[in-house]
Amino acid sequence: MKAMAYDRYGSAEQLRLEEIDQPIPGPGEILVRVVASAVNSWDWHLLHGMFFERLMFGAFRPQYQVLGSEIAGVVDAVGPGVTEFNPGDEVFGDLSTSGWGGFAEYAVCRSDSMAHKPADVSFEHAATLPQSGLLALHCLRERWPDRAGDRVLINGAGGAAGTLALQIAKHLGAHVTCVDHGGKLEMLRSLGADIVIDYQRDDYTRTGERHDLIFDVSSHRGILDVRRALAPDGVYVMTGGPVSRIVYFGLIAPIAARIDRRTYTIRTHTFNRDDLMWVTDRVAAGEITPAIDRTYSFEDVPEALRYFDTGEVKGKLVIVH
């Protein structure tokens, strides 16, 4: 089968189209013919060999040669012990616990990290949800905006998780402020943002506004900075940023929680099928629409990652196989 493979860390130029052996599903696994996959930050970090990824997935050479962790496709075969899926089923899910492999014609997946795709959700939309949709949902649940008018701020709102979090929060009745660079603000307004802030011109921590929940997709602020923008009983949840910032918050958040009614926490992606279907059902009902900036053919995966590298992506990039 064809796969977009690499065997050393670096830029998109390391990727090459190769013929590799088609994988065989083992116990508890399914083989999926990939119809669509999505690019996310984890792919970019693995390609470039960032510090954390080298610690986990190979210090000198990548452990996995095919990137891509969010996919949608059709079951081609099932391994021993799999009873919930059958050949021909339309599915979508997350390959981050299955060794990646989504940028290929076929991928082997753990059956417990996949879900049945609703017929009225496209393969392209389904491929955007397994990580970004769950991250958006789980971060909002750190303080569920269940009161109309709850104030939510999303920093780094123009990416995949941010655009979904914006729509989920608006669906729940929240007042949403979105922070990103100026080129993404019109898109965020079109998705329902009440207030947009260009971080290149204004500092959201110094506007005088207080928020019940701050969802920080790309943290570059210290805890005293974000405290200024947080309501007295508010929640700050961080999902991304420099490793040094993540370590800093991991150390300082428990201390801050002891002296402050506010909550400071770090959230990482965790697969949960029921929660994934909650988000997907909102898409099927037309209440949420995944923001897709561009679609690429399978052969153009390197170009997609080069564009991702610019930081200009509005929402998600999707690969059509």
C-alpha atoms as a PDB file:
ATOM      1  CA  MET A   1       0.000   0.000   0.000  1.00  0.00           C
ATOM      2  CA  LYS A   2       1.028   3.642  -0.359  1.00  0.00           C
ATOM      3  CA  ALA A   3       2.060   5.634   2.700  1.00  0.00           C
ATOM      4  CA  MET A   4       3.633   9.018   3.376  1.00  0.00           C
ATOM      5  CA  ALA A   5       6.636   7.918   5.433  1.00  0.00           C
ATOM      6  CA  TYR A   6       9.718   9.424   7.085  1.00  0.00           C
ATOM      7  CA  ASP A   7      12.658   7.957   8.975  1.00  0.00           C
ATOM      8  CA  ARG A   8      14.358  11.005  10.458  1.00  0.00           C
ATOM      9  CA  TYR A   9      13.247  14.145  12.233  1.00  0.00           C
ATOM     10  CA  GLY A  10      13.129  17.399  10.339  1.00  0.00           C
ATOM     11  CA  SER A  11      10.826  19.384   8.078  1.00  0.00           C
ATOM     12  CA  ALA A  12       8.157  18.326   5.581  1.00  0.00           C
ATOM     13  CA  GLU A  13      10.948  17.592   3.096  1.00  0.00           C
ATOM     14  CA  GLN A  14      11.642  14.389   5.071  1.00  0.00           C
ATOM     15  CA  LEU A  15       8.294  12.933   3.986  1.00  0.00           C
ATOM     16  CA  ARG A  16       8.180  10.676   0.948  1.00  0.00           C
ATOM     17  CA  LEU A  17       5.560   8.549  -0.744  1.00  0.00           C
ATOM     18  CA  GLU A  18       6.485   4.868  -0.376  1.00  0.00           C
ATOM     19  CA  GLU A  19       5.096   1.390  -0.915  1.00  0.00           C
ATOM     20  CA  ILE A  20       5.002  -0.426   2.429  1.00  0.00           C
ATOM     21  CA  ASP A  21       3.391  -3.640   3.646  1.00  0.00           C
ATOM     22  CA  GLN A  22      -0.318  -3.412   4.376  1.00  0.00           C
ATOM     23  CA  PRO A  23      -0.824  -3.969   8.112  1.00  0.00           C
ATOM     24  CA  ILE A  24      -2.766  -6.938   9.475  1.00  0.00           C
ATOM     25  CA  PRO A  25      -5.147  -6.388  12.385  1.00  0.00           C
ATOM     26  CA  GLY A  26      -4.296  -8.299  15.552  1.00  0.00           C
ATOM     27  CA  PRO A  27      -6.535  -9.136  18.527  1.00  0.00           C
ATOM     28  CA  GLY A  28      -8.820  -6.237  19.355  1.00  0.00           C
ATOM     29  CA  GLU A  29      -7.842  -4.320  16.211  1.00  0.00           C
ATOM     30  CA  ILE A  30      -9.493  -3.345  12.936  1.00  0.00           C
ATOM     31  CA  LEU A  31      -8.042  -2.512   9.527  1.00  0.00           C
ATOM     32  CA  VAL A  32      -9.489   0.696   8.080  1.00  0.00           C
ATOM     33  CA  ARG A  33      -9.303   1.928   4.501  1.00  0.00           C
ATOM     34  CA  VAL A  34      -8.630   5.592   5.131  1.00  0.00           C
ATOM     35  CA  VAL A  35     -10.951   8.009   3.320  1.00  0.00           C
ATOM     36  CA  ALA A  36      -9.939  11.196   5.143  1.00  0.00           C
ATOM     37  CA  SER A  37      -7.368  12.151   7.753  1.00  0.00           C
ATOM     38  CA  ALA A  38      -6.563  15.394   9.517  1.00  0.00           C
ATOM     39  CA  VAL A  39      -3.356  17.225  10.353  1.00  0.00           C
ATOM     40  CA  ASN A  40      -2.839  18.226  13.962  1.00  0.00           C
ATOM     41  CA  SER A  41      -0.102  19.693  16.122  1.00  0.00           C
ATOM     42  CA  TRP A  42       1.020  16.278  17.302  1.00  0.00           C
ATOM     43  CA  ASP A  43       1.942  15.352  13.709  1.00  0.00           C
ATOM     44  CA  TRP A  44       3.971  18.551  13.429  1.00  0.00           C
ATOM     45  CA  HIS A  45       5.787  17.925  16.727  1.00  0.00           C
ATOM     46  CA  LEU A  46       6.578  14.326  15.798  1.00  0.00           C
ATOM     47  CA  LEU A  47       7.860  15.343  12.385  1.00  0.00           C
ATOM     48  CA  HIS A  48      10.152  17.994  13.817  1.00  0.00           C
ATOM     49  CA  GLY A  49      11.273  15.834  16.743  1.00  0.00           C
ATOM     50  CA  MET A  50      10.392  18.229  19.542  1.00  0.00           C
ATOM     51  CA  PHE A  51      11.846  17.536  22.984  1.00  0.00           C
ATOM     52  CA  PHE A  52       8.824  15.848  24.563  1.00  0.00           C
ATOM     53  CA  GLU A  53       8.155  13.699  21.483  1.00  0.00           C
ATOM     54  CA  ARG A  54      11.790  12.531  21.387  1.00  0.00           C
ATOM     55  CA  LEU A  55      11.514  11.455  25.019  1.00  0.00           C
ATOM     56  CA  MET A  56       8.437   9.374  24.260  1.00  0.00           C
ATOM     57  CA  PHE A  57       8.856   8.233  20.668  1.00  0.00           C
ATOM     58  CA  GLY A  58      12.561   7.908  19.862  1.00  0.00           C
ATOM     59  CA  ALA A  59      15.464  10.111  20.896  1.00  0.00           C
ATOM     60  CA  PHE A  60      17.377   9.943  17.596  1.00  0.00           C
ATOM     61  CA  ARG A  61      14.973   8.471  15.042  1.00  0.00           C
ATOM     62  CA  PRO A  62      11.164   8.359  15.019  1.00  0.00           C
ATOM     63  CA  GLN A  63       9.628   5.194  16.425  1.00  0.00           C
ATOM     64  CA  TYR A  64       6.720   5.418  13.972  1.00  0.00           C
ATOM     65  CA  GLN A  65       7.365   6.058  10.285  1.00  0.00           C
ATOM     66  CA  VAL A  66       3.854   7.149   9.240  1.00  0.00           C
ATOM     67  CA  LEU A  67       2.184  10.169  10.839  1.00  0.00           C
ATOM     68  CA  GLY A  68      -1.536  10.883  11.073  1.00  0.00           C
ATOM     69  CA  SER A  69      -3.675  10.163  14.114  1.00  0.00           C
ATOM     70  CA  GLU A  70      -7.186  11.401  13.243  1.00  0.00           C
ATOM     71  CA  ILE A  71      -8.906   9.382  10.539  1.00  0.00           C
ATOM     72  CA  ALA A  72     -12.252   8.448   9.040  1.00  0.00           C
ATOM     73  CA  GLY A  73     -12.766   5.520   6.718  1.00  0.00           C
ATOM     74  CA  VAL A  74     -14.293   2.126   6.048  1.00  0.00           C
ATOM     75  CA  VAL A  75     -13.535  -1.096   7.926  1.00  0.00           C
ATOM     76  CA  ASP A  76     -11.731  -3.521   5.637  1.00  0.00           C
ATOM     77  CA  ALA A  77     -11.081  -6.363   8.115  1.00  0.00           C
ATOM     78  CA  VAL A  78     -11.387  -7.099  11.820  1.00  0.00           C
ATOM     79  CA  GLY A  79      -8.985  -8.909  14.124  1.00  0.00           C
ATOM     80  CA  PRO A  80      -9.768 -11.693  16.619  1.00  0.00           C
ATOM     81  CA  GLY A  81     -12.148 -10.714  19.377  1.00  0.00           C
ATOM     82  CA  VAL A  82     -13.677  -7.705  17.628  1.00  0.00           C
ATOM     83  CA  THR A  83     -17.473  -7.894  17.662  1.00  0.00           C
ATOM     84  CA  GLU A  84     -18.637  -4.247  17.474  1.00  0.00           C
ATOM     85  CA  PHE A  85     -17.335  -3.564  13.958  1.00  0.00           C
ATOM     86  CA  ASN A  86     -17.733  -5.400  10.665  1.00  0.00           C
ATOM     87  CA  PRO A  87     -16.199  -5.002   7.211  1.00  0.00           C
ATOM     88  CA  GLY A  88     -17.970  -2.185   5.400  1.00  0.00           C
ATOM     89  CA  ASP A  89     -18.738  -0.132   8.524  1.00  0.00           C
ATOM     90  CA  GLU A  90     -17.976   3.580   8.270  1.00  0.00           C
ATOM     91  CA  VAL A  91     -15.831   4.581  11.251  1.00  0.00           C
ATOM     92  CA  PHE A  92     -13.669   7.382  12.634  1.00  0.00           C
ATOM     93  CA  GLY A  93     -11.297   7.700  15.527  1.00  0.00           C
ATOM     94  CA  ASP A  94      -7.869   8.231  17.015  1.00  0.00           C
ATOM     95  CA  LEU A  95      -4.641   6.374  16.166  1.00  0.00           C
ATOM     96  CA  SER A  96      -2.426   7.923  18.856  1.00  0.00           C
ATOM     97  CA  THR A  97      -2.598   4.717  20.909  1.00  0.00           C
ATOM     98  CA  SER A  98      -2.197   2.505  17.816  1.00  0.00           C
ATOM     99  CA  GLY A  99       1.156   3.737  16.508  1.00  0.00           C
ATOM    100  CA  TRP A 100      -0.192   6.512  14.257  1.00  0.00           C
ATOM    101  CA  GLY A 101      -0.322   5.628  10.525  1.00  0.00           C
ATOM    102  CA  GLY A 102      -3.209   7.741   9.230  1.00  0.00           C
ATOM    103  CA  PHE A 103      -1.292   9.192   6.269  1.00  0.00           C
ATOM    104  CA  ALA A 104      -1.575   5.908   4.373  1.00  0.00           C
ATOM    105  CA  GLU A 105      -4.093   3.974   2.314  1.00  0.00           C
ATOM    106  CA  TYR A 106      -4.844   1.633   5.227  1.00  0.00           C
ATOM    107  CA  ALA A 107      -4.357   1.886   8.983  1.00  0.00           C
ATOM    108  CA  VAL A 108      -4.632  -0.598  11.831  1.00  0.00           C
ATOM    109  CA  CYS A 109      -6.524   0.779  14.817  1.00  0.00           C
ATOM    110  CA  ARG A 110      -7.425  -0.388  18.279  1.00  0.00           C
ATOM    111  CA  SER A 111     -11.149  -1.017  18.115  1.00  0.00           C
ATOM    112  CA  ASP A 112     -11.721   0.797  21.416  1.00  0.00           C
ATOM    113  CA  SER A 113     -10.341   4.022  19.912  1.00  0.00           C
ATOM    114  CA  MET A 114     -12.805   4.050  17.020  1.00  0.00           C
ATOM    115  CA  ALA A 115     -16.509   4.844  16.681  1.00  0.00           C
ATOM    116  CA  HIS A 116     -19.237   4.352  14.099  1.00  0.00           C
ATOM    117  CA  LYS A 117     -19.529   7.391  11.844  1.00  0.00           C
ATOM    118  CA  PRO A 118     -23.083   8.743  11.496  1.00  0.00           C
ATOM    119  CA  ALA A 119     -24.284   8.630   7.899  1.00  0.00           C
ATOM    120  CA  ASP A 120     -25.080  12.358   7.879  1.00  0.00           C
ATOM    121  CA  VAL A 121     -21.559  13.401   8.935  1.00  0.00           C
ATOM    122  CA  SER A 122     -19.029  13.510   6.101  1.00  0.00           C
ATOM    123  CA  PHE A 123     -15.742  11.646   6.249  1.00  0.00           C
ATOM    124  CA  GLU A 124     -13.938  15.007   6.088  1.00  0.00           C
ATOM    125  CA  HIS A 125     -15.833  16.435   9.068  1.00  0.00           C
ATOM    126  CA  ALA A 126     -15.505  13.202  11.042  1.00  0.00           C
ATOM    127  CA  ALA A 127     -11.715  13.198  10.608  1.00  0.00           C
ATOM    128  CA  THR A 128     -11.456  16.591  12.350  1.00  0.00           C
ATOM    129  CA  LEU A 129     -13.118  15.483  15.594  1.00  0.00           C
ATOM    130  CA  PRO A 130     -11.371  12.593  17.414  1.00  0.00           C
ATOM    131  CA  GLN A 131      -8.701  14.725  19.090  1.00  0.00           C
ATOM    132  CA  SER A 132      -9.690  18.345  18.552  1.00  0.00           C
ATOM    133  CA  GLY A 133     -13.356  17.802  19.369  1.00  0.00           C
ATOM    134  CA  LEU A 134     -12.619  15.867  22.534  1.00  0.00           C
ATOM    135  CA  LEU A 135     -10.007  18.364  23.706  1.00  0.00           C
ATOM    136  CA  ALA A 136     -12.470  21.224  23.218  1.00  0.00           C
ATOM    137  CA  LEU A 137     -15.235  19.395  25.073  1.00  0.00           C
ATOM    138  CA  HIS A 138     -13.082  18.213  27.973  1.00  0.00           C
ATOM    139  CA  CYS A 139     -11.548  21.642  28.536  1.00  0.00           C
ATOM    140  CA  LEU A 140     -14.973  23.283  28.646  1.00  0.00           C
ATOM    141  CA  ARG A 141     -16.090  20.658  31.141  1.00  0.00           C
ATOM    142  CA  GLU A 142     -13.474  21.870  33.607  1.00  0.00           C
ATOM    143  CA  ARG A 143     -16.164  24.448  34.263  1.00  0.00           C
ATOM    144  CA  TRP A 144     -19.199  23.612  32.198  1.00  0.00           C
ATOM    145  CA  PRO A 145     -20.778  26.860  30.983  1.00  0.00           C
ATOM    146  CA  ASP A 146     -24.304  25.777  31.895  1.00  0.00           C
ATOM    147  CA  ARG A 147     -25.576  29.228  32.810  1.00  0.00           C
ATOM    148  CA  ALA A 148     -26.598  31.522  29.983  1.00  0.00           C
ATOM    149  CA  GLY A 149     -24.095  34.346  29.871  1.00  0.00           C
ATOM    150  CA  ASP A 150     -21.177  32.514  31.490  1.00  0.00           C
ATOM    151  CA  ARG A 151     -18.055  34.240  30.222  1.00  0.00           C
ATOM    152  CA  VAL A 152     -15.573  32.025  28.363  1.00  0.00           C
ATOM    153  CA  LEU A 153     -12.285  33.191  26.857  1.00  0.00           C
ATOM    154  CA  ILE A 154     -10.408  31.044  24.330  1.00  0.00           C
ATOM    155  CA  ASN A 155      -6.787  31.994  23.710  1.00  0.00           C
ATOM    156  CA  GLY A 156      -5.535  30.588  20.407  1.00  0.00           C
ATOM    157  CA  ALA A 157      -9.142  30.265  19.281  1.00  0.00           C
ATOM    158  CA  GLY A 158      -8.448  30.094  15.552  1.00  0.00           C
ATOM    159  CA  GLY A 159      -7.154  26.524  15.489  1.00  0.00           C
ATOM    160  CA  ALA A 160      -8.996  23.215  15.393  1.00  0.00           C
ATOM    161  CA  ALA A 161      -9.782  22.818  19.107  1.00  0.00           C
ATOM    162  CA  GLY A 162     -10.471  26.514  19.559  1.00  0.00           C
ATOM    163  CA  THR A 163     -13.016  26.806  16.752  1.00  0.00           C
ATOM    164  CA  LEU A 164     -14.882  23.769  18.068  1.00  0.00           C
ATOM    165  CA  ALA A 165     -14.760  25.025  21.678  1.00  0.00           C
ATOM    166  CA  LEU A 166     -16.162  28.366  20.520  1.00  0.00           C
ATOM    167  CA  GLN A 167     -19.139  26.696  18.876  1.00  0.00           C
ATOM    168  CA  ILE A 168     -19.783  24.300  21.757  1.00  0.00           C
ATOM    169  CA  ALA A 169     -19.664  27.146  24.277  1.00  0.00           C
ATOM    170  CA  LYS A 170     -22.075  29.242  22.187  1.00  0.00           C
ATOM    171  CA  HIS A 171     -24.364  26.233  21.839  1.00  0.00           C
ATOM    172  CA  LEU A 172     -24.463  26.084  25.650  1.00  0.00           C
ATOM    173  CA  GLY A 173     -25.320  29.767  25.934  1.00  0.00           C
ATOM    174  CA  ALA A 174     -21.961  31.221  26.932  1.00  0.00           C
ATOM    175  CA  HIS A 175     -20.590  34.664  26.098  1.00  0.00           C
ATOM    176  CA  VAL A 176     -17.341  33.920  24.264  1.00  0.00           C
ATOM    177  CA  THR A 177     -14.230  36.047  23.771  1.00  0.00           C
ATOM    178  CA  CYS A 178     -11.701  34.740  21.241  1.00  0.00           C
ATOM    179  CA  VAL A 179      -8.022  35.680  21.095  1.00  0.00           C
ATOM    180  CA  ASP A 180      -5.813  35.079  18.052  1.00  0.00           C
ATOM    181  CA  HIS A 181      -3.932  37.061  15.441  1.00  0.00           C
ATOM    182  CA  GLY A 182      -5.767  39.487  13.221  1.00  0.00           C
ATOM    183  CA  GLY A 183      -5.947  37.217  10.180  1.00  0.00           C
ATOM    184  CA  LYS A 184      -8.277  34.812  11.981  1.00  0.00           C
ATOM    185  CA  LEU A 185     -10.654  37.242  13.666  1.00  0.00           C
ATOM    186  CA  GLU A 186     -13.224  37.506  10.864  1.00  0.00           C
ATOM    187  CA  MET A 187     -13.514  33.724  10.747  1.00  0.00           C
ATOM    188  CA  LEU A 188     -14.037  33.636  14.529  1.00  0.00           C
ATOM    189  CA  ARG A 189     -16.775  36.266  14.264  1.00  0.00           C
ATOM    190  CA  SER A 190     -18.500  34.168  11.597  1.00  0.00           C
ATOM    191  CA  LEU A 191     -18.510  31.202  13.995  1.00  0.00           C
ATOM    192  CA  GLY A 192     -20.274  33.209  16.697  1.00  0.00           C
ATOM    193  CA  ALA A 193     -17.585  34.895  18.804  1.00  0.00           C
ATOM    194  CA  ASP A 194     -19.023  37.799  20.831  1.00  0.00           C
ATOM    195  CA  ILE A 195     -15.678  39.579  21.210  1.00  0.00           C
ATOM    196  CA  VAL A 196     -12.447  39.052  19.266  1.00  0.00           C
ATOM    197  CA  ILE A 197      -9.014  40.239  20.367  1.00  0.00           C
ATOM    198  CA  ASP A 198      -5.905  40.506  18.212  1.00  0.00           C
ATOM    199  CA  TYR A 199      -3.105  39.420  20.538  1.00  0.00           C
ATOM    200  CA  GLN A 200      -0.623  41.368  18.438  1.00  0.00           C
ATOM    201  CA  ARG A 201      -2.386  44.593  19.426  1.00  0.00           C
ATOM    202  CA  ASP A 202      -4.064  43.940  22.785  1.00  0.00           C
ATOM    203  CA  ASP A 203      -3.273  41.891  25.905  1.00  0.00           C
ATOM    204  CA  TYR A 204      -6.359  39.977  27.034  1.00  0.00           C
ATOM    205  CA  THR A 205      -5.047  39.872  30.603  1.00  0.00           C
ATOM    206  CA  ARG A 206      -5.118  43.697  30.809  1.00  0.00           C
ATOM    207  CA  THR A 207      -8.564  44.520  29.380  1.00  0.00           C
ATOM    208  CA  GLY A 208     -10.192  44.586  32.816  1.00  0.00           C
ATOM    209  CA  GLU A 209     -12.620  41.814  31.835  1.00  0.00           C
ATOM    210  CA  ARG A 210     -13.001  38.746  34.081  1.00  0.00           C
ATOM    211  CA  HIS A 211     -13.927  35.316  32.710  1.00  0.00           C
ATOM    212  CA  ASP A 212     -15.461  32.248  34.335  1.00  0.00           C
ATOM    213  CA  LEU A 213     -13.359  29.951  32.153  1.00  0.00           C
ATOM    214  CA  ILE A 214     -10.167  30.578  30.211  1.00  0.00           C
ATOM    215  CA  PHE A 215      -9.298  27.856  27.714  1.00  0.00           C
ATOM    216  CA  ASP A 216      -5.660  28.462  26.748  1.00  0.00           C
ATOM    217  CA  VAL A 217      -4.688  26.565  23.604  1.00  0.00           C
ATOM    218  CA  SER A 218      -1.304  28.261  23.374  1.00  0.00           C
ATOM    219  CA  SER A 219      -0.090  29.486  26.728  1.00  0.00           C
ATOM    220  CA  HIS A 220       2.610  32.134  26.926  1.00  0.00           C
ATOM    221  CA  ARG A 221       1.473  33.860  30.131  1.00  0.00           C
ATOM    222  CA  GLY A 222       2.441  33.461  33.763  1.00  0.00           C
ATOM    223  CA  ILE A 223      -0.094  32.578  36.408  1.00  0.00           C
ATOM    224  CA  LEU A 224      -0.255  36.132  37.784  1.00  0.00           C
ATOM    225  CA  ASP A 225      -1.072  37.420  34.303  1.00  0.00           C
ATOM    226  CA  VAL A 226      -3.987  35.051  33.673  1.00  0.00           C
ATOM    227  CA  ARG A 227      -5.240  35.609  37.239  1.00  0.00           C
ATOM    228  CA  ARG A 228      -6.072  39.206  36.295  1.00  0.00           C
ATOM    229  CA  ALA A 229      -8.461  37.942  33.603  1.00  0.00           C
ATOM    230  CA  LEU A 230     -10.085  35.209  35.716  1.00  0.00           C
ATOM    231  CA  ALA A 231     -13.222  35.573  37.843  1.00  0.00           C
ATOM    232  CA  PRO A 232     -12.719  35.033  41.598  1.00  0.00           C
ATOM    233  CA  ASP A 233     -14.010  31.460  41.327  1.00  0.00           C
ATOM    234  CA  GLY A 234     -12.950  30.952  37.711  1.00  0.00           C
ATOM    235  CA  VAL A 235     -11.106  28.104  36.009  1.00  0.00           C
ATOM    236  CA  TYR A 236      -8.009  28.376  33.836  1.00  0.00           C
ATOM    237  CA  VAL A 237      -7.307  25.289  31.713  1.00  0.00           C
ATOM    238  CA  MET A 238      -4.174  25.017  29.618  1.00  0.00           C
ATOM    239  CA  THR A 239      -3.677  22.579  26.755  1.00  0.00           C
ATOM    240  CA  GLY A 240      -0.638  23.770  24.867  1.00  0.00           C
ATOM    241  CA  GLY A 241       2.394  25.995  24.775  1.00  0.00           C
ATOM    242  CA  PRO A 242       6.146  25.702  25.241  1.00  0.00           C
ATOM    243  CA  VAL A 243       7.296  22.718  27.303  1.00  0.00           C
ATOM    244  CA  SER A 244       8.842  25.107  29.822  1.00  0.00           C
ATOM    245  CA  ARG A 245       5.447  26.777  30.309  1.00  0.00           C
ATOM    246  CA  ILE A 246       3.677  23.439  30.754  1.00  0.00           C
ATOM    247  CA  VAL A 247       6.235  22.325  33.362  1.00  0.00           C
ATOM    248  CA  TYR A 248       5.933  25.679  35.118  1.00  0.00           C
ATOM    249  CA  PHE A 249       2.157  25.370  35.402  1.00  0.00           C
ATOM    250  CA  GLY A 250       2.394  21.764  36.505  1.00  0.00           C
ATOM    251  CA  LEU A 251       4.558  22.872  39.424  1.00  0.00           C
ATOM    252  CA  ILE A 252       2.867  26.127  40.347  1.00  0.00           C
ATOM    253  CA  ALA A 253      -0.845  25.247  39.879  1.00  0.00           C
ATOM    254  CA  PRO A 254      -1.184  23.104  43.065  1.00  0.00           C
ATOM    255  CA  ILE A 255       0.419  25.884  45.100  1.00  0.00           C
ATOM    256  CA  ALA A 256      -1.818  28.547  43.579  1.00  0.00           C
ATOM    257  CA  ALA A 257      -4.915  26.435  44.247  1.00  0.00           C
ATOM    258  CA  ARG A 258      -4.118  26.435  47.979  1.00  0.00           C
ATOM    259  CA  ILE A 259      -4.090  30.216  48.266  1.00  0.00           C
ATOM    260  CA  ASP A 260      -6.652  31.176  45.618  1.00  0.00           C
ATOM    261  CA  ARG A 261     -10.265  30.162  44.976  1.00  0.00           C
ATOM    262  CA  ARG A 262      -9.439  30.073  41.294  1.00  0.00           C
ATOM    263  CA  THR A 263      -8.516  26.765  39.624  1.00  0.00           C
ATOM    264  CA  TYR A 264      -5.498  26.324  37.343  1.00  0.00           C
ATOM    265  CA  THR A 265      -5.157  23.041  35.500  1.00  0.00           C
ATOM    266  CA  ILE A 266      -3.566  21.327  32.497  1.00  0.00           C
ATOM    267  CA  ARG A 267      -5.629  19.168  30.156  1.00  0.00           C
ATOM    268  CA  THR A 268      -4.321  16.619  27.661  1.00  0.00           C
ATOM    269  CA  HIS A 269      -6.229  14.707  25.032  1.00  0.00           C
ATOM    270  CA  THR A 270      -8.018  11.592  26.315  1.00  0.00           C
ATOM    271  CA  PHE A 271     -10.121   9.402  24.034  1.00  0.00           C
ATOM    272  CA  ASN A 272     -13.694   8.769  25.176  1.00  0.00           C
ATOM    273  CA  ARG A 273     -16.156   7.327  22.698  1.00  0.00           C
ATOM    274  CA  ASP A 274     -19.289   8.643  24.414  1.00  0.00           C
ATOM    275  CA  ASP A 275     -17.897  12.164  24.518  1.00  0.00           C
ATOM    276  CA  LEU A 276     -16.766  11.921  20.895  1.00  0.00           C
ATOM    277  CA  MET A 277     -20.287  10.966  19.890  1.00  0.00           C
ATOM    278  CA  TRP A 278     -21.697  13.899  21.905  1.00  0.00           C
ATOM    279  CA  VAL A 279     -19.638  16.270  19.755  1.00  0.00           C
ATOM    280  CA  THR A 280     -20.395  14.341  16.556  1.00  0.00           C
ATOM    281  CA  ASP A 281     -24.132  14.401  17.249  1.00  0.00           C
ATOM    282  CA  ARG A 282     -23.927  18.203  17.478  1.00  0.00           C
ATOM    283  CA  VAL A 283     -22.258  18.203  14.055  1.00  0.00           C
ATOM    284  CA  ALA A 284     -24.933  15.899  12.634  1.00  0.00           C
ATOM    285  CA  ALA A 285     -27.630  18.220  13.993  1.00  0.00           C
ATOM    286  CA  GLY A 286     -26.012  21.251  12.354  1.00  0.00           C
ATOM    287  CA  GLU A 287     -25.296  22.920  15.709  1.00  0.00           C
ATOM    288  CA  ILE A 288     -21.520  22.749  15.173  1.00  0.00           C
ATOM    289  CA  THR A 289     -19.604  22.857  11.908  1.00  0.00           C
ATOM    290  CA  PRO A 290     -15.912  21.898  11.893  1.00  0.00           C
ATOM    291  CA  ALA A 291     -13.852  24.718  10.411  1.00  0.00           C
ATOM    292  CA  ILE A 292     -11.791  23.310   7.533  1.00  0.00           C
ATOM    293  CA  ASP A 293      -9.278  25.758   6.110  1.00  0.00           C
ATOM    294  CA  ARG A 294      -7.988  23.611   3.232  1.00  0.00           C
ATOM    295  CA  THR A 295      -8.196  20.079   1.929  1.00  0.00           C
ATOM    296  CA  TYR A 296      -5.251  18.310   0.314  1.00  0.00           C
ATOM    297  CA  SER A 297      -4.811  15.166  -1.709  1.00  0.00           C
ATOM    298  CA  PHE A 298      -2.893  12.308  -0.117  1.00  0.00           C
ATOM    299  CA  GLU A 299       0.169  13.055  -2.246  1.00  0.00           C
ATOM    300  CA  ASP A 300       0.219  16.624  -0.910  1.00  0.00           C
ATOM    301  CA  VAL A 301       0.649  15.775   2.780  1.00  0.00           C
ATOM    302  CA  PRO A 302       4.080  17.506   2.807  1.00  0.00           C
ATOM    303  CA  GLU A 303       2.499  20.691   1.479  1.00  0.00           C
ATOM    304  CA  ALA A 304      -0.193  20.493   4.182  1.00  0.00           C
ATOM    305  CA  LEU A 305       2.458  20.268   6.897  1.00  0.00           C
ATOM    306  CA  ARG A 306       4.387  23.157   5.362  1.00  0.00           C
ATOM    307  CA  TYR A 307       1.232  25.268   5.531  1.00  0.00           C
ATOM    308  CA  PHE A 308       0.599  24.110   9.104  1.00  0.00           C
ATOM    309  CA  ASP A 309       4.113  25.327   9.915  1.00  0.00           C
ATOM    310  CA  THR A 310       3.145  28.908   8.999  1.00  0.00           C
ATOM    311  CA  GLY A 311       0.727  29.253  11.929  1.00  0.00           C
ATOM    312  CA  GLU A 312      -1.874  30.708   9.571  1.00  0.00           C
ATOM    313  CA  VAL A 313      -4.266  27.718   9.571  1.00  0.00           C
ATOM    314  CA  LYS A 314      -7.868  28.624  10.348  1.00  0.00           C
ATOM    315  CA  GLY A 315      -9.400  25.550  11.951  1.00  0.00           C
ATOM    316  CA  LYS A 316      -8.281  22.252  10.444  1.00  0.00           C
ATOM    317  CA  LEU A 317      -6.409  20.833   7.463  1.00  0.00           C
ATOM    318  CA  VAL A 318      -7.912  17.662   5.981  1.00  0.00           C
ATOM    319  CA  ILE A 319      -6.258  15.057   3.749  1.00  0.00           C
ATOM    320  CA  VAL A 320      -8.577  13.367   1.243  1.00  0.00           C
ATOM    321  CA  HIS A 321      -7.327   9.883   0.309  1.00  0.00           C
END
